[in-house]
Protein backbone atom coordinates (compact mmCIF):
# COMPACT_ATOMS: atom_id res chain seq x y z
CA MET A 1 -66.22 38.36 -18.11
CA ILE A 2 -68.50 41.38 -18.53
CA GLU A 3 -69.15 42.07 -22.21
CA GLY A 4 -66.57 44.51 -23.61
CA VAL A 5 -64.26 44.28 -20.59
CA ARG A 6 -60.77 43.17 -21.54
CA THR A 7 -57.57 42.71 -19.60
CA LYS A 8 -53.91 42.76 -20.49
CA GLU A 9 -51.27 41.10 -18.34
CA LEU A 10 -48.46 43.56 -17.76
CA VAL A 11 -44.87 42.37 -17.91
CA CYS A 12 -42.44 43.78 -15.37
CA ARG A 13 -38.83 43.99 -16.50
CA PRO A 14 -36.54 44.39 -13.50
CA ASP A 15 -32.81 45.01 -13.61
CA GLU A 16 -30.20 46.34 -11.21
CA ARG A 17 -31.51 49.90 -11.66
CA GLY A 18 -35.19 49.24 -10.92
CA ARG A 19 -38.27 48.07 -12.82
CA LEU A 20 -40.05 48.96 -16.05
CA TRP A 21 -43.45 47.88 -17.30
CA GLU A 22 -45.37 49.08 -20.32
CA ILE A 23 -49.02 49.89 -19.63
CA LEU A 24 -50.69 50.68 -22.97
CA ARG A 25 -49.20 50.94 -26.43
CA ALA A 26 -50.71 52.30 -29.64
CA ASP A 27 -49.98 48.94 -31.28
CA ASP A 28 -51.83 46.90 -28.58
CA ASP A 29 -54.93 45.14 -29.88
CA ILE A 30 -56.93 46.73 -27.02
CA PHE A 31 -55.82 50.32 -27.82
CA GLN A 32 -58.59 52.58 -29.11
CA GLN A 33 -57.50 56.22 -28.98
CA PHE A 34 -55.78 58.66 -26.67
CA GLY A 35 -57.69 61.16 -24.51
CA GLN A 36 -55.49 61.88 -21.51
CA VAL A 37 -53.53 60.17 -18.74
CA TYR A 38 -54.17 60.76 -15.06
CA VAL A 39 -53.39 59.30 -11.65
CA THR A 40 -55.92 58.90 -8.85
CA THR A 41 -55.21 57.69 -5.32
CA ALA A 42 -57.13 56.37 -2.34
CA TYR A 43 -56.09 55.98 1.27
CA PRO A 44 -56.40 52.61 3.06
CA GLY A 45 -60.01 51.45 3.33
CA ILE A 46 -61.37 54.22 1.09
CA VAL A 47 -63.82 53.39 -1.73
CA LYS A 48 -64.02 55.53 -4.87
CA ALA A 49 -67.23 54.44 -6.59
CA TRP A 50 -69.49 54.32 -8.58
CA HIS A 51 -69.12 55.97 -11.93
CA ALA A 52 -69.58 55.14 -15.60
CA HIS A 53 -69.28 56.98 -18.90
CA GLU A 54 -71.62 57.30 -21.85
CA HIS A 55 -68.85 57.59 -24.46
CA GLN A 56 -65.46 57.09 -22.85
CA THR A 57 -63.53 53.84 -22.41
CA ASP A 58 -61.20 53.67 -19.40
CA PHE A 59 -57.90 51.76 -19.20
CA PHE A 60 -57.00 51.34 -15.51
CA THR A 61 -53.99 49.83 -13.79
CA VAL A 62 -52.47 50.14 -10.32
CA LEU A 63 -48.95 51.52 -9.97
CA SER A 64 -48.53 51.24 -6.20
CA GLY A 65 -50.43 49.64 -3.35
CA MET A 66 -53.29 47.16 -3.72
CA ALA A 67 -56.81 47.82 -4.95
CA LYS A 68 -59.99 45.88 -5.52
CA PHE A 69 -61.61 47.13 -8.74
CA VAL A 70 -65.27 46.24 -9.12
CA LEU A 71 -67.30 46.52 -12.31
CA TYR A 72 -71.07 46.32 -12.74
CA ASP A 73 -72.80 46.01 -16.10
CA MET A 74 -75.95 48.13 -16.04
CA ARG A 75 -76.28 48.30 -19.86
CA VAL A 76 -79.74 47.12 -20.95
CA ASP A 77 -78.48 45.93 -24.34
CA SER A 78 -75.61 43.85 -22.93
CA ALA A 79 -75.49 40.05 -22.77
CA THR A 80 -73.87 40.42 -19.34
CA GLN A 81 -76.35 42.94 -17.89
CA GLY A 82 -76.48 42.64 -14.10
CA GLN A 83 -73.09 40.96 -13.73
CA VAL A 84 -70.54 42.06 -11.13
CA GLN A 85 -66.84 41.43 -11.63
CA GLU A 86 -63.91 41.94 -9.25
CA PHE A 87 -60.24 42.44 -10.09
CA PHE A 88 -57.40 42.65 -7.57
CA LEU A 89 -54.62 44.86 -8.90
CA GLY A 90 -51.29 45.95 -7.50
CA ARG A 91 -47.63 45.10 -7.16
CA ASP A 92 -48.24 41.35 -7.15
CA HIS A 93 -50.84 41.39 -9.93
CA LEU A 94 -49.91 43.74 -12.77
CA LYS A 95 -52.84 44.01 -15.13
CA LEU A 96 -54.60 46.61 -17.29
CA ILE A 97 -58.42 46.63 -17.31
CA THR A 98 -60.40 47.98 -20.26
CA ILE A 99 -63.76 49.33 -19.04
CA PRO A 100 -66.24 50.11 -21.83
CA PRO A 101 -68.85 52.88 -21.76
CA GLY A 102 -71.89 52.09 -19.62
CA VAL A 103 -70.08 49.79 -17.18
CA TYR A 104 -70.11 51.22 -13.65
CA HIS A 105 -66.84 50.86 -11.81
CA GLY A 106 -64.95 51.82 -8.71
CA PHE A 107 -62.13 50.71 -6.49
CA LYS A 108 -61.18 50.25 -2.87
CA CYS A 109 -57.72 50.52 -1.35
CA ILE A 110 -57.28 47.14 0.31
CA GLY A 111 -53.70 47.49 1.50
CA ASP A 112 -52.16 49.33 4.41
CA ARG A 113 -50.82 52.16 2.25
CA GLU A 114 -52.25 54.55 -0.31
CA VAL A 115 -53.12 53.00 -3.67
CA VAL A 116 -52.01 54.83 -6.81
CA ALA A 117 -54.04 54.04 -9.94
CA LEU A 118 -53.37 55.19 -13.50
CA ASN A 119 -56.10 55.73 -16.10
CA CYS A 120 -55.60 56.30 -19.84
CA PRO A 121 -59.16 57.15 -20.99
CA THR A 122 -60.10 57.58 -24.64
CA ARG A 123 -61.37 61.14 -24.10
CA PRO A 124 -60.03 64.19 -22.27
CA TYR A 125 -62.09 65.30 -19.28
CA ASP A 126 -64.52 68.09 -20.22
CA HIS A 127 -65.04 70.25 -17.13
CA ASP A 128 -68.08 71.97 -18.68
CA ARG A 129 -69.80 68.76 -19.86
CA PRO A 130 -68.35 65.77 -17.99
CA ASP A 131 -69.05 62.36 -19.52
CA GLU A 132 -69.84 60.87 -16.11
CA LEU A 133 -72.68 58.97 -14.55
CA ARG A 134 -72.32 58.73 -10.76
CA LEU A 135 -73.84 56.68 -7.97
CA PRO A 136 -72.81 56.50 -4.29
CA PRO A 137 -70.74 53.48 -3.15
CA ASP A 138 -73.72 52.08 -1.24
CA SER A 139 -76.24 52.54 -4.06
CA ASP A 140 -79.11 50.03 -4.02
CA LYS A 141 -78.95 50.03 -7.84
CA ILE A 142 -75.73 47.99 -7.74
CA PRO A 143 -75.78 44.66 -5.86
CA TYR A 144 -72.38 44.98 -4.22
CA ASP A 145 -71.12 45.33 -0.66
CA TRP A 146 -67.70 46.99 -0.35
CA SER A 147 -67.09 45.61 3.16
CA LEU A 148 -64.40 42.98 3.76
CA ASN A 149 -65.25 39.58 2.32
CA HIS A 150 -64.35 36.86 4.87
CA LYS A 151 -64.75 33.85 2.52
């Protein structure tokens, strides 16, 4: 596991009315602070990558569809510098991923319908001074190929 990355298994509670699952609670051991909550989507086959933050921690989960989340540790002071980690999130794998500052991340919609992801970052987005570091999905600085893996 990349240093500082944590996961939380999410419990789905279905009944005759539908389903409920808690994502992040203030009394969770992984909770840090509240910044904002937002939803981002991607259409089938689309990659949204790469970005990292200098100060913000992200807490991502997938609400609908299937996504492959990929993390890359580019932090020079990290014991896991240079490591890549994949997570498959969606209806059949409910999980919350904690992504610390300095870890580049992105996701790809791997299903046949739009993926809907929820993020609860520790800071609100500052339109005048965004806390974002960006690289293109095919950056040679990150050793990852987003194409289909036929293993």
